[in-house]
Amino acid sequence: VQLVESGGGLVQPGGSLRLSCAASGIIRSINAMAWYRQAPGKERELVARINSGGWINYADSVKGRFTISRDNVKNTVYLQMSSLKPEDTAIYYCHAERVRSSTGWNDYWGQGTQVTVSS
């Protein structure tokens, strides 16, 4: 199973970006998919998470600005980011939780995509 992220880049404050993460491989189910981020000198933190039933939770710092969504058929998760702030600058990582595949149950991480918010 592999997670491939796309959509990062450089954006001005107040701008928007959409991240995508597609899980590939022989996948039978995925319990939850999430986005984490890690800024320089800081620990990795949860940004948003959506489970197979559609339950969503967000970090307080992104509520009202970011929207997570998921396509269960395509095993893809999206993060729509709006009203971006310089403090949103970080490497964003996709995470797939309790993936049922031919190798059993495992968690997987994407390689990360850089988001930079700067004028």
C-alpha atoms as a PDB file:
ATOM      1  CA  VAL A   1       0.000   0.000   0.000  1.00  0.00           C
ATOM      2  CA  GLN A   2       1.291   3.441  -0.898  1.00  0.00           C
ATOM      3  CA  LEU A   3      -0.020   6.910  -0.190  1.00  0.00           C
ATOM      4  CA  VAL A   4       0.734   9.551  -2.805  1.00  0.00           C
ATOM      5  CA  GLU A   5       0.113  13.190  -1.954  1.00  0.00           C
ATOM      6  CA  SER A   6      -0.191  16.149  -4.280  1.00  0.00           C
ATOM      7  CA  GLY A   7      -1.284  19.768  -4.263  1.00  0.00           C
ATOM      8  CA  GLY A   8       1.238  21.520  -2.051  1.00  0.00           C
ATOM      9  CA  GLY A   9       3.021  24.683  -3.017  1.00  0.00           C
ATOM     10  CA  LEU A  10       3.557  28.364  -2.330  1.00  0.00           C
ATOM     11  CA  VAL A  11       0.535  30.571  -1.689  1.00  0.00           C
ATOM     12  CA  GLN A  12       0.006  34.093  -0.387  1.00  0.00           C
ATOM     13  CA  PRO A  13      -1.700  34.728   2.947  1.00  0.00           C
ATOM     14  CA  GLY A  14      -5.450  34.521   2.531  1.00  0.00           C
ATOM     15  CA  GLY A  15      -5.115  32.147  -0.393  1.00  0.00           C
ATOM     16  CA  SER A  16      -6.297  28.588  -0.885  1.00  0.00           C
ATOM     17  CA  LEU A  17      -4.808  25.205  -1.697  1.00  0.00           C
ATOM     18  CA  ARG A  18      -6.235  21.734  -2.109  1.00  0.00           C
ATOM     19  CA  LEU A  19      -4.251  18.695  -1.086  1.00  0.00           C
ATOM     20  CA  SER A  20      -5.006  15.200  -2.326  1.00  0.00           C
ATOM     21  CA  CYS A  21      -3.826  11.825  -1.096  1.00  0.00           C
ATOM     22  CA  ALA A  22      -4.529   8.613  -2.966  1.00  0.00           C
ATOM     23  CA  ALA A  23      -3.971   5.182  -1.453  1.00  0.00           C
ATOM     24  CA  SER A  24      -2.978   2.501  -3.923  1.00  0.00           C
ATOM     25  CA  GLY A  25      -2.544  -1.237  -3.658  1.00  0.00           C
ATOM     26  CA  ILE A  26      -4.827  -4.136  -2.839  1.00  0.00           C
ATOM     27  CA  ILE A  27      -6.965  -2.406  -0.231  1.00  0.00           C
ATOM     28  CA  ARG A  28     -10.043  -3.933   1.325  1.00  0.00           C
ATOM     29  CA  SER A  29     -10.883  -1.143   3.734  1.00  0.00           C
ATOM     30  CA  ILE A  30      -9.474   1.911   5.459  1.00  0.00           C
ATOM     31  CA  ASN A  31     -10.748   2.849   8.901  1.00  0.00           C
ATOM     32  CA  ALA A  32      -9.777   6.522   8.813  1.00  0.00           C
ATOM     33  CA  MET A  33      -7.711   8.949   6.782  1.00  0.00           C
ATOM     34  CA  ALA A  34      -6.137  12.063   8.127  1.00  0.00           C
ATOM     35  CA  TRP A  35      -3.819  14.963   7.470  1.00  0.00           C
ATOM     36  CA  TYR A  36      -1.010  15.855   9.829  1.00  0.00           C
ATOM     37  CA  ARG A  37       1.531  18.633   9.538  1.00  0.00           C
ATOM     38  CA  GLN A  38       4.946  19.373  10.885  1.00  0.00           C
ATOM     39  CA  ALA A  39       6.487  22.818  10.943  1.00  0.00           C
ATOM     40  CA  PRO A  40      10.247  23.347  11.410  1.00  0.00           C
ATOM     41  CA  GLY A  41      11.227  22.789  15.015  1.00  0.00           C
ATOM     42  CA  LYS A  42       7.783  21.553  15.999  1.00  0.00           C
ATOM     43  CA  GLU A  43       6.176  18.180  16.542  1.00  0.00           C
ATOM     44  CA  ARG A  44       3.886  16.618  14.021  1.00  0.00           C
ATOM     45  CA  GLU A  45       0.267  17.509  14.769  1.00  0.00           C
ATOM     46  CA  LEU A  46      -3.118  16.326  13.616  1.00  0.00           C
ATOM     47  CA  VAL A  47      -4.837  18.739  11.259  1.00  0.00           C
ATOM     48  CA  ALA A  48      -7.996  16.846  10.323  1.00  0.00           C
ATOM     49  CA  ARG A  49      -9.291  13.282  10.373  1.00  0.00           C
ATOM     50  CA  ILE A  50     -12.240  11.555   8.753  1.00  0.00           C
ATOM     51  CA  ASN A  51     -13.287   7.987   9.467  1.00  0.00           C
ATOM     52  CA  SER A  52     -15.129   5.502   7.302  1.00  0.00           C
ATOM     53  CA  GLY A  53     -18.452   6.605   8.741  1.00  0.00           C
ATOM     54  CA  GLY A  54     -17.819  10.222   7.852  1.00  0.00           C
ATOM     55  CA  TRP A  55     -17.045  11.467  11.362  1.00  0.00           C
ATOM     56  CA  ILE A  56     -14.664  14.402  11.191  1.00  0.00           C
ATOM     57  CA  ASN A  57     -12.509  16.219  13.671  1.00  0.00           C
ATOM     58  CA  TYR A  58     -10.281  19.233  13.158  1.00  0.00           C
ATOM     59  CA  ALA A  59      -7.506  20.922  15.043  1.00  0.00           C
ATOM     60  CA  ASP A  60      -8.830  24.094  16.657  1.00  0.00           C
ATOM     61  CA  SER A  61      -6.347  26.163  14.672  1.00  0.00           C
ATOM     62  CA  VAL A  62      -7.918  25.184  11.323  1.00  0.00           C
ATOM     63  CA  LYS A  63     -11.616  24.983  12.170  1.00  0.00           C
ATOM     64  CA  GLY A  64     -13.677  27.068   9.794  1.00  0.00           C
ATOM     65  CA  ARG A  65     -10.817  27.351   7.305  1.00  0.00           C
ATOM     66  CA  PHE A  66      -9.978  23.772   6.307  1.00  0.00           C
ATOM     67  CA  THR A  67     -12.307  21.071   5.034  1.00  0.00           C
ATOM     68  CA  ILE A  68     -11.455  17.385   4.853  1.00  0.00           C
ATOM     69  CA  SER A  69     -13.333  15.030   2.572  1.00  0.00           C
ATOM     70  CA  ARG A  70     -12.961  11.480   1.403  1.00  0.00           C
ATOM     71  CA  ASP A  71     -13.807   9.350  -1.617  1.00  0.00           C
ATOM     72  CA  ASN A  72     -14.111   5.802  -0.318  1.00  0.00           C
ATOM     73  CA  VAL A  73     -14.332   4.315  -3.808  1.00  0.00           C
ATOM     74  CA  LYS A  74     -11.082   5.940  -4.885  1.00  0.00           C
ATOM     75  CA  ASN A  75      -9.433   5.556  -1.450  1.00  0.00           C
ATOM     76  CA  THR A  76      -8.584   9.234  -1.642  1.00  0.00           C
ATOM     77  CA  VAL A  77      -8.691  11.985   0.954  1.00  0.00           C
ATOM     78  CA  TYR A  78      -8.685  15.707   0.267  1.00  0.00           C
ATOM     79  CA  LEU A  79      -7.892  18.763   2.317  1.00  0.00           C
ATOM     80  CA  GLN A  80      -9.301  22.044   1.103  1.00  0.00           C
ATOM     81  CA  MET A  81      -7.408  24.848   2.809  1.00  0.00           C
ATOM     82  CA  SER A  82      -8.701  28.409   2.699  1.00  0.00           C
ATOM     83  CA  SER A  83      -7.786  31.691   4.384  1.00  0.00           C
ATOM     84  CA  LEU A  84      -4.271  30.372   4.736  1.00  0.00           C
ATOM     85  CA  LYS A  85      -1.947  31.986   7.259  1.00  0.00           C
ATOM     86  CA  PRO A  86       1.842  32.007   7.494  1.00  0.00           C
ATOM     87  CA  GLU A  87       1.556  29.754  10.535  1.00  0.00           C
ATOM     88  CA  ASP A  88       0.016  27.076   8.313  1.00  0.00           C
ATOM     89  CA  THR A  89       3.408  26.669   6.667  1.00  0.00           C
ATOM     90  CA  ALA A  90       4.537  23.074   7.191  1.00  0.00           C
ATOM     91  CA  ILE A  91       5.046  19.725   5.559  1.00  0.00           C
ATOM     92  CA  TYR A  92       1.643  18.071   5.327  1.00  0.00           C
ATOM     93  CA  TYR A  93       1.463  14.298   5.673  1.00  0.00           C
ATOM     94  CA  CYS A  94      -1.346  11.978   4.751  1.00  0.00           C
ATOM     95  CA  HIS A  95      -2.094   9.112   7.134  1.00  0.00           C
ATOM     96  CA  ALA A  96      -4.219   6.023   6.556  1.00  0.00           C
ATOM     97  CA  GLU A  97      -5.303   4.289   9.745  1.00  0.00           C
ATOM     98  CA  ARG A  98      -6.003   0.569  10.084  1.00  0.00           C
ATOM     99  CA  VAL A  99      -5.757  -0.290   6.414  1.00  0.00           C
ATOM    100  CA  ARG A 100      -6.919  -3.802   5.648  1.00  0.00           C
ATOM    101  CA  SER A 101      -4.899  -5.187   2.761  1.00  0.00           C
ATOM    102  CA  SER A 102      -3.304  -8.427   1.618  1.00  0.00           C
ATOM    103  CA  THR A 103      -0.674  -7.987   4.346  1.00  0.00           C
ATOM    104  CA  GLY A 104      -3.155  -7.577   7.160  1.00  0.00           C
ATOM    105  CA  TRP A 105      -3.935  -4.465   9.185  1.00  0.00           C
ATOM    106  CA  ASN A 106      -1.429  -1.600   9.090  1.00  0.00           C
ATOM    107  CA  ASP A 107      -1.097   2.168   9.238  1.00  0.00           C
ATOM    108  CA  TYR A 108       0.599   4.076   6.424  1.00  0.00           C
ATOM    109  CA  TRP A 109       2.097   7.528   5.909  1.00  0.00           C
ATOM    110  CA  GLY A 110       2.575   9.547   2.773  1.00  0.00           C
ATOM    111  CA  GLN A 111       5.896  11.133   1.853  1.00  0.00           C
ATOM    112  CA  GLY A 112       4.724  14.635   2.726  1.00  0.00           C
ATOM    113  CA  THR A 113       4.022  17.717   0.665  1.00  0.00           C
ATOM    114  CA  GLN A 114       5.314  21.199   1.438  1.00  0.00           C
ATOM    115  CA  VAL A 115       2.851  24.032   1.984  1.00  0.00           C
ATOM    116  CA  THR A 116       4.354  27.506   2.270  1.00  0.00           C
ATOM    117  CA  VAL A 117       2.242  30.556   3.021  1.00  0.00           C
ATOM    118  CA  SER A 118       4.174  33.717   2.373  1.00  0.00           C
ATOM    119  CA  SER A 119       3.900  37.036   0.607  1.00  0.00           C
END
